[in-house]
């Protein structure tokens, strides 16, 4: 049976003792009802995984002793998702959660010509990503960028493989034919799709247009499906 898993960005290699944040302490002591002598695992979201034992079971500042630690390398595949913001924030939250569970490395919210959205709540989205990382027991926290204009995004991309999914009836490569590299960026547009001008601009920057199948998918569905296909294991 796996032990409870926590995220503490300040824990570091070399420490022998650590005081959990108030949030983690409350969850550990009040919610899970853990007590002195019980074991847990902690990640710092930067590859570190720490095995620890509770020394002080306090609901605001529980103290643990670190019994061992290991530093995990970054995932071999750096899978990036750049996706249009959505008017329905709940659907975007769902996607960020699932993208994190799949193992995405970087998420960049886009503002496209047809994007309709309300204010982007960065702190809320960070919390969702952190919770998903804990739930899936990963040690690398995805990077969440601030929203960026589409044109600015495609100008500063450094990924070696660049894909753009769209619904226009142009010449596209089926996602089934794509051999995903270990440095890949996927662009997904808003509900109204990318404009022809945006697609042309992306192609001019060496993005490969891809086809996700015969049905028209919602933005979050398209993203989830494509990431599932493009993720290397």
C-alpha atoms as a PDB file:
ATOM      1  CA  UNK A   1       0.000   0.000   0.000  1.00  0.00           C
ATOM      2  CA  UNK A   2       1.402   3.391  -0.987  1.00  0.00           C
ATOM      3  CA  UNK A   3       2.032   6.000   1.697  1.00  0.00           C
ATOM      4  CA  UNK A   4       0.529   9.536   1.571  1.00  0.00           C
ATOM      5  CA  UNK A   5       2.217  11.854  -0.912  1.00  0.00           C
ATOM      6  CA  UNK A   6       2.835  15.598  -0.385  1.00  0.00           C
ATOM      7  CA  UNK A   7       4.252  18.568  -2.283  1.00  0.00           C
ATOM      8  CA  UNK A   8       6.680  20.887  -0.500  1.00  0.00           C
ATOM      9  CA  UNK A   9       8.726  23.108  -2.841  1.00  0.00           C
ATOM     10  CA  UNK A  10      11.178  24.140  -0.087  1.00  0.00           C
ATOM     11  CA  UNK A  11      12.372  20.679   0.894  1.00  0.00           C
ATOM     12  CA  UNK A  12      15.871  19.955  -0.399  1.00  0.00           C
ATOM     13  CA  UNK A  13      18.561  17.297  -0.546  1.00  0.00           C
ATOM     14  CA  UNK A  14      20.743  17.258   2.561  1.00  0.00           C
ATOM     15  CA  UNK A  15      17.958  18.074   5.020  1.00  0.00           C
ATOM     16  CA  UNK A  16      17.398  15.638   7.855  1.00  0.00           C
ATOM     17  CA  UNK A  17      14.325  17.352   9.274  1.00  0.00           C
ATOM     18  CA  UNK A  18      11.559  19.410   7.722  1.00  0.00           C
ATOM     19  CA  UNK A  19       8.495  21.309   8.940  1.00  0.00           C
ATOM     20  CA  UNK A  20       5.503  20.822   6.679  1.00  0.00           C
ATOM     21  CA  UNK A  21       3.536  23.824   5.464  1.00  0.00           C
ATOM     22  CA  UNK A  22       0.300  24.602   7.257  1.00  0.00           C
ATOM     23  CA  UNK A  23      -1.700  23.202   4.333  1.00  0.00           C
ATOM     24  CA  UNK A  24       0.210  19.905   4.304  1.00  0.00           C
ATOM     25  CA  UNK A  25       0.184  19.702   8.103  1.00  0.00           C
ATOM     26  CA  UNK A  26      -3.579  20.104   8.244  1.00  0.00           C
ATOM     27  CA  UNK A  27      -4.138  17.483   5.554  1.00  0.00           C
ATOM     28  CA  UNK A  28      -1.685  15.100   7.190  1.00  0.00           C
ATOM     29  CA  UNK A  29      -2.871  15.414  10.810  1.00  0.00           C
ATOM     30  CA  UNK A  30      -6.523  16.459  10.585  1.00  0.00           C
ATOM     31  CA  UNK A  31      -7.713  14.923   7.320  1.00  0.00           C
ATOM     32  CA  UNK A  32      -5.628  11.745   7.149  1.00  0.00           C
ATOM     33  CA  UNK A  33      -5.308  11.530  10.957  1.00  0.00           C
ATOM     34  CA  UNK A  34      -1.646  10.585  10.731  1.00  0.00           C
ATOM     35  CA  UNK A  35       0.396  10.390  13.921  1.00  0.00           C
ATOM     36  CA  UNK A  36       3.962  10.218  15.164  1.00  0.00           C
ATOM     37  CA  UNK A  37       5.934   7.363  13.613  1.00  0.00           C
ATOM     38  CA  UNK A  38       3.867   7.118  10.435  1.00  0.00           C
ATOM     39  CA  UNK A  39       5.556   7.387   7.047  1.00  0.00           C
ATOM     40  CA  UNK A  40       4.954   9.697   4.102  1.00  0.00           C
ATOM     41  CA  UNK A  41       6.617  10.780   0.875  1.00  0.00           C
ATOM     42  CA  UNK A  42       7.325  14.351  -0.153  1.00  0.00           C
ATOM     43  CA  UNK A  43       8.335  15.806  -3.509  1.00  0.00           C
ATOM     44  CA  UNK A  44       9.682  19.274  -4.161  1.00  0.00           C
ATOM     45  CA  UNK A  45       8.370  19.264  -7.738  1.00  0.00           C
ATOM     46  CA  UNK A  46      11.919  19.523  -9.058  1.00  0.00           C
ATOM     47  CA  UNK A  47      12.697  15.812  -9.193  1.00  0.00           C
ATOM     48  CA  UNK A  48      13.327  15.257  -5.507  1.00  0.00           C
ATOM     49  CA  UNK A  49      11.493  12.488  -3.650  1.00  0.00           C
ATOM     50  CA  UNK A  50      11.909  12.289   0.115  1.00  0.00           C
ATOM     51  CA  UNK A  51      10.866   9.454   2.399  1.00  0.00           C
ATOM     52  CA  UNK A  52       9.990  10.778   5.851  1.00  0.00           C
ATOM     53  CA  UNK A  53       8.573   9.849   9.240  1.00  0.00           C
ATOM     54  CA  UNK A  54       6.395  12.095  11.395  1.00  0.00           C
ATOM     55  CA  UNK A  55       8.154  13.367  14.523  1.00  0.00           C
ATOM     56  CA  UNK A  56       5.647  16.007  15.638  1.00  0.00           C
ATOM     57  CA  UNK A  57       1.994  15.594  14.623  1.00  0.00           C
ATOM     58  CA  UNK A  58       0.785  19.196  14.759  1.00  0.00           C
ATOM     59  CA  UNK A  59      -2.087  20.445  12.591  1.00  0.00           C
ATOM     60  CA  UNK A  60      -0.266  23.677  11.665  1.00  0.00           C
ATOM     61  CA  UNK A  61       3.416  22.765  11.664  1.00  0.00           C
ATOM     62  CA  UNK A  62       3.992  19.032  11.633  1.00  0.00           C
ATOM     63  CA  UNK A  63       7.654  18.032  11.743  1.00  0.00           C
ATOM     64  CA  UNK A  64       9.099  15.057   9.861  1.00  0.00           C
ATOM     65  CA  UNK A  65      12.497  13.383   9.850  1.00  0.00           C
ATOM     66  CA  UNK A  66      13.842  12.571   6.418  1.00  0.00           C
ATOM     67  CA  UNK A  67      14.988   8.969   6.236  1.00  0.00           C
ATOM     68  CA  UNK A  68      16.098   8.854   2.585  1.00  0.00           C
ATOM     69  CA  UNK A  69      15.863  10.773  -0.663  1.00  0.00           C
ATOM     70  CA  UNK A  70      16.371  10.310  -4.385  1.00  0.00           C
ATOM     71  CA  UNK A  71      16.733  12.792  -7.227  1.00  0.00           C
ATOM     72  CA  UNK A  72      14.854  11.838 -10.375  1.00  0.00           C
ATOM     73  CA  UNK A  73      15.996  13.105 -13.772  1.00  0.00           C
ATOM     74  CA  UNK A  74      13.633  15.203 -15.846  1.00  0.00           C
ATOM     75  CA  UNK A  75      11.333  13.103 -18.029  1.00  0.00           C
ATOM     76  CA  UNK A  76      13.106  12.280 -21.275  1.00  0.00           C
ATOM     77  CA  UNK A  77      10.256  13.744 -23.305  1.00  0.00           C
ATOM     78  CA  UNK A  78       9.525  17.435 -22.794  1.00  0.00           C
ATOM     79  CA  UNK A  79       5.916  17.609 -23.961  1.00  0.00           C
ATOM     80  CA  UNK A  80       4.572  21.157 -24.197  1.00  0.00           C
ATOM     81  CA  UNK A  81       0.960  22.248 -24.634  1.00  0.00           C
ATOM     82  CA  UNK A  82      -0.004  25.729 -25.800  1.00  0.00           C
ATOM     83  CA  UNK A  83      -3.788  26.037 -25.626  1.00  0.00           C
ATOM     84  CA  UNK A  84      -6.287  28.822 -26.079  1.00  0.00           C
ATOM     85  CA  UNK A  85      -7.983  30.117 -22.964  1.00  0.00           C
ATOM     86  CA  UNK A  86     -11.645  29.142 -22.660  1.00  0.00           C
ATOM     87  CA  UNK A  87     -14.691  31.070 -21.532  1.00  0.00           C
ATOM     88  CA  UNK A  88     -15.645  28.123 -19.323  1.00  0.00           C
ATOM     89  CA  UNK A  89     -12.838  28.031 -16.757  1.00  0.00           C
ATOM     90  CA  UNK A  90     -14.037  24.699 -15.317  1.00  0.00           C
ATOM     91  CA  UNK A  91     -13.292  22.924 -18.600  1.00  0.00           C
ATOM     92  CA  UNK A  92      -9.819  24.439 -18.675  1.00  0.00           C
ATOM     93  CA  UNK A  93      -9.233  23.352 -15.073  1.00  0.00           C
ATOM     94  CA  UNK A  94     -10.217  19.807 -16.019  1.00  0.00           C
ATOM     95  CA  UNK A  95      -7.753  19.832 -18.898  1.00  0.00           C
ATOM     96  CA  UNK A  96      -4.861  21.177 -16.815  1.00  0.00           C
ATOM     97  CA  UNK A  97      -5.495  18.421 -14.295  1.00  0.00           C
ATOM     98  CA  UNK A  98      -5.541  15.671 -16.937  1.00  0.00           C
ATOM     99  CA  UNK A  99      -2.566  17.096 -18.861  1.00  0.00           C
ATOM    100  CA  UNK A 100      -0.546  17.023 -15.643  1.00  0.00           C
ATOM    101  CA  UNK A 101      -1.555  13.427 -14.947  1.00  0.00           C
ATOM    102  CA  UNK A 102      -0.487  12.443 -18.476  1.00  0.00           C
ATOM    103  CA  UNK A 103       2.915  14.020 -17.922  1.00  0.00           C
ATOM    104  CA  UNK A 104       2.968  17.332 -19.779  1.00  0.00           C
ATOM    105  CA  UNK A 105       6.054  19.443 -19.019  1.00  0.00           C
ATOM    106  CA  UNK A 106       4.956  22.971 -19.910  1.00  0.00           C
ATOM    107  CA  UNK A 107       1.511  24.543 -20.286  1.00  0.00           C
ATOM    108  CA  UNK A 108       1.144  27.886 -22.039  1.00  0.00           C
ATOM    109  CA  UNK A 109      -2.295  29.556 -22.170  1.00  0.00           C
ATOM    110  CA  UNK A 110      -2.878  31.340 -25.489  1.00  0.00           C
ATOM    111  CA  UNK A 111      -4.886  34.384 -26.468  1.00  0.00           C
ATOM    112  CA  UNK A 112      -5.929  33.840 -30.076  1.00  0.00           C
ATOM    113  CA  UNK A 113      -8.048  35.949 -32.417  1.00  0.00           C
ATOM    114  CA  UNK A 114     -11.175  33.942 -31.567  1.00  0.00           C
ATOM    115  CA  UNK A 115     -10.407  33.412 -27.892  1.00  0.00           C
ATOM    116  CA  UNK A 116     -13.260  34.301 -25.552  1.00  0.00           C
ATOM    117  CA  UNK A 117     -12.323  34.152 -21.885  1.00  0.00           C
ATOM    118  CA  UNK A 118     -12.580  35.729 -18.475  1.00  0.00           C
ATOM    119  CA  UNK A 119      -9.658  36.610 -16.209  1.00  0.00           C
ATOM    120  CA  UNK A 120      -7.084  33.828 -15.960  1.00  0.00           C
ATOM    121  CA  UNK A 121      -6.658  32.795 -12.314  1.00  0.00           C
ATOM    122  CA  UNK A 122      -3.028  31.743 -12.198  1.00  0.00           C
ATOM    123  CA  UNK A 123      -2.981  30.791  -8.511  1.00  0.00           C
ATOM    124  CA  UNK A 124      -6.077  28.619  -8.896  1.00  0.00           C
ATOM    125  CA  UNK A 125      -4.589  26.846 -11.916  1.00  0.00           C
ATOM    126  CA  UNK A 126      -1.293  26.302 -10.091  1.00  0.00           C
ATOM    127  CA  UNK A 127      -3.168  24.627  -7.239  1.00  0.00           C
ATOM    128  CA  UNK A 128      -4.922  22.296  -9.684  1.00  0.00           C
ATOM    129  CA  UNK A 129      -1.625  21.329 -11.322  1.00  0.00           C
ATOM    130  CA  UNK A 130       0.010  20.720  -7.947  1.00  0.00           C
ATOM    131  CA  UNK A 131      -2.885  18.526  -6.796  1.00  0.00           C
ATOM    132  CA  UNK A 132      -2.740  16.528 -10.036  1.00  0.00           C
ATOM    133  CA  UNK A 133       1.013  16.020  -9.656  1.00  0.00           C
ATOM    134  CA  UNK A 134       0.470  14.724  -6.105  1.00  0.00           C
ATOM    135  CA  UNK A 135      -2.424  12.475  -7.142  1.00  0.00           C
ATOM    136  CA  UNK A 136      -0.381  10.924  -9.960  1.00  0.00           C
ATOM    137  CA  UNK A 137       2.716  10.736  -7.711  1.00  0.00           C
ATOM    138  CA  UNK A 138       5.110  12.508 -10.030  1.00  0.00           C
ATOM    139  CA  UNK A 139       8.229  14.387  -8.950  1.00  0.00           C
ATOM    140  CA  UNK A 140       8.367  17.098 -11.626  1.00  0.00           C
ATOM    141  CA  UNK A 141       5.796  19.887 -11.471  1.00  0.00           C
ATOM    142  CA  UNK A 142       4.756  21.174 -14.917  1.00  0.00           C
ATOM    143  CA  UNK A 143       5.658  24.770 -15.683  1.00  0.00           C
ATOM    144  CA  UNK A 144       2.573  26.982 -16.056  1.00  0.00           C
ATOM    145  CA  UNK A 145       3.297  30.092 -18.091  1.00  0.00           C
ATOM    146  CA  UNK A 146       1.299  33.292 -18.010  1.00  0.00           C
ATOM    147  CA  UNK A 147      -1.146  33.772 -20.932  1.00  0.00           C
ATOM    148  CA  UNK A 148       0.549  34.962 -24.116  1.00  0.00           C
ATOM    149  CA  UNK A 149      -0.624  36.245 -27.484  1.00  0.00           C
ATOM    150  CA  UNK A 150      -0.631  33.575 -30.213  1.00  0.00           C
ATOM    151  CA  UNK A 151       1.696  35.487 -32.533  1.00  0.00           C
ATOM    152  CA  UNK A 152       4.213  36.051 -29.759  1.00  0.00           C
ATOM    153  CA  UNK A 153       4.111  32.366 -28.839  1.00  0.00           C
ATOM    154  CA  UNK A 154       4.945  31.035 -32.283  1.00  0.00           C
ATOM    155  CA  UNK A 155       7.813  33.530 -32.624  1.00  0.00           C
ATOM    156  CA  UNK A 156       9.630  32.394 -29.487  1.00  0.00           C
ATOM    157  CA  UNK A 157       9.179  28.623 -29.729  1.00  0.00           C
ATOM    158  CA  UNK A 158      12.363  26.598 -29.316  1.00  0.00           C
ATOM    159  CA  UNK A 159      10.913  23.056 -29.518  1.00  0.00           C
ATOM    160  CA  UNK A 160      12.360  20.880 -32.277  1.00  0.00           C
ATOM    161  CA  UNK A 161       8.956  19.420 -33.219  1.00  0.00           C
ATOM    162  CA  UNK A 162       6.066  21.864 -33.581  1.00  0.00           C
ATOM    163  CA  UNK A 163       2.489  20.781 -34.279  1.00  0.00           C
ATOM    164  CA  UNK A 164      -0.722  22.736 -34.783  1.00  0.00           C
ATOM    165  CA  UNK A 165      -4.111  21.007 -34.732  1.00  0.00           C
ATOM    166  CA  UNK A 166      -6.918  22.747 -36.620  1.00  0.00           C
ATOM    167  CA  UNK A 167     -10.209  21.988 -38.375  1.00  0.00           C
ATOM    168  CA  UNK A 168      -9.700  23.797 -41.670  1.00  0.00           C
ATOM    169  CA  UNK A 169      -9.913  21.522 -44.774  1.00  0.00           C
ATOM    170  CA  UNK A 170      -6.247  21.955 -45.654  1.00  0.00           C
ATOM    171  CA  UNK A 171      -3.512  19.427 -46.243  1.00  0.00           C
ATOM    172  CA  UNK A 172      -2.776  17.939 -42.829  1.00  0.00           C
ATOM    173  CA  UNK A 173      -0.907  14.970 -41.415  1.00  0.00           C
ATOM    174  CA  UNK A 174      -2.886  12.459 -39.406  1.00  0.00           C
ATOM    175  CA  UNK A 175      -1.830  12.365 -35.783  1.00  0.00           C
ATOM    176  CA  UNK A 176      -1.594   8.589 -36.210  1.00  0.00           C
ATOM    177  CA  UNK A 177       1.335   9.167 -38.593  1.00  0.00           C
ATOM    178  CA  UNK A 178       3.255  11.464 -36.256  1.00  0.00           C
ATOM    179  CA  UNK A 179       6.373  10.068 -34.601  1.00  0.00           C
ATOM    180  CA  UNK A 180       6.607  12.217 -31.464  1.00  0.00           C
ATOM    181  CA  UNK A 181      10.028  13.545 -30.554  1.00  0.00           C
ATOM    182  CA  UNK A 182      11.328  14.205 -27.049  1.00  0.00           C
ATOM    183  CA  UNK A 183      11.021  17.977 -27.552  1.00  0.00           C
ATOM    184  CA  UNK A 184       7.513  18.646 -28.809  1.00  0.00           C
ATOM    185  CA  UNK A 185       5.080  21.568 -28.726  1.00  0.00           C
ATOM    186  CA  UNK A 186       1.392  21.164 -29.553  1.00  0.00           C
ATOM    187  CA  UNK A 187      -0.884  24.110 -30.383  1.00  0.00           C
ATOM    188  CA  UNK A 188      -4.632  23.796 -29.729  1.00  0.00           C
ATOM    189  CA  UNK A 189      -6.994  26.629 -30.615  1.00  0.00           C
ATOM    190  CA  UNK A 190     -10.238  28.027 -29.191  1.00  0.00           C
ATOM    191  CA  UNK A 191     -13.728  26.626 -29.753  1.00  0.00           C
ATOM    192  CA  UNK A 192     -13.982  28.652 -32.959  1.00  0.00           C
ATOM    193  CA  UNK A 193     -10.613  27.234 -34.108  1.00  0.00           C
ATOM    194  CA  UNK A 194      -7.551  29.136 -35.231  1.00  0.00           C
ATOM    195  CA  UNK A 195      -8.135  31.671 -37.993  1.00  0.00           C
ATOM    196  CA  UNK A 196      -6.662  30.954 -41.448  1.00  0.00           C
ATOM    197  CA  UNK A 197      -4.188  33.783 -40.834  1.00  0.00           C
ATOM    198  CA  UNK A 198      -3.012  32.180 -37.588  1.00  0.00           C
ATOM    199  CA  UNK A 199      -2.622  28.788 -39.250  1.00  0.00           C
ATOM    200  CA  UNK A 200      -0.618  30.317 -42.092  1.00  0.00           C
ATOM    201  CA  UNK A 201       1.581  32.188 -39.593  1.00  0.00           C
ATOM    202  CA  UNK A 202       2.277  28.971 -37.703  1.00  0.00           C
ATOM    203  CA  UNK A 203       3.107  27.063 -40.871  1.00  0.00           C
ATOM    204  CA  UNK A 204       5.504  29.873 -41.822  1.00  0.00           C
ATOM    205  CA  UNK A 205       7.250  29.176 -38.509  1.00  0.00           C
ATOM    206  CA  UNK A 206       7.637  25.475 -39.437  1.00  0.00           C
ATOM    207  CA  UNK A 207       4.641  24.126 -37.531  1.00  0.00           C
ATOM    208  CA  UNK A 208       3.192  20.922 -38.979  1.00  0.00           C
ATOM    209  CA  UNK A 209      -0.625  20.963 -39.349  1.00  0.00           C
ATOM    210  CA  UNK A 210      -2.176  17.792 -37.928  1.00  0.00           C
ATOM    211  CA  UNK A 211      -5.569  16.121 -38.173  1.00  0.00           C
ATOM    212  CA  UNK A 212      -7.155  14.649 -35.023  1.00  0.00           C
ATOM    213  CA  UNK A 213      -9.804  12.575 -36.771  1.00  0.00           C
ATOM    214  CA  UNK A 214     -13.202  12.843 -38.453  1.00  0.00           C
ATOM    215  CA  UNK A 215     -15.143  14.423 -35.588  1.00  0.00           C
ATOM    216  CA  UNK A 216     -14.936  18.009 -34.385  1.00  0.00           C
ATOM    217  CA  UNK A 217     -13.647  17.983 -30.824  1.00  0.00           C
ATOM    218  CA  UNK A 218     -13.981  20.511 -28.043  1.00  0.00           C
ATOM    219  CA  UNK A 219     -10.756  22.300 -27.189  1.00  0.00           C
ATOM    220  CA  UNK A 220     -10.139  20.345 -23.995  1.00  0.00           C
ATOM    221  CA  UNK A 221     -11.077  17.025 -25.625  1.00  0.00           C
ATOM    222  CA  UNK A 222      -8.751  17.669 -28.558  1.00  0.00           C
ATOM    223  CA  UNK A 223      -5.912  18.501 -26.174  1.00  0.00           C
ATOM    224  CA  UNK A 224      -6.437  15.435 -23.990  1.00  0.00           C
ATOM    225  CA  UNK A 225      -6.684  13.118 -26.985  1.00  0.00           C
ATOM    226  CA  UNK A 226      -3.644  14.530 -28.748  1.00  0.00           C
ATOM    227  CA  UNK A 227      -1.458  14.503 -25.633  1.00  0.00           C
ATOM    228  CA  UNK A 228      -2.419  10.876 -25.010  1.00  0.00           C
ATOM    229  CA  UNK A 229      -1.294   9.926 -28.526  1.00  0.00           C
ATOM    230  CA  UNK A 230       1.885  12.023 -28.505  1.00  0.00           C
ATOM    231  CA  UNK A 231       3.144  11.050 -25.040  1.00  0.00           C
ATOM    232  CA  UNK A 232       6.212   8.800 -25.133  1.00  0.00           C
ATOM    233  CA  UNK A 233       6.560   6.169 -22.408  1.00  0.00           C
END
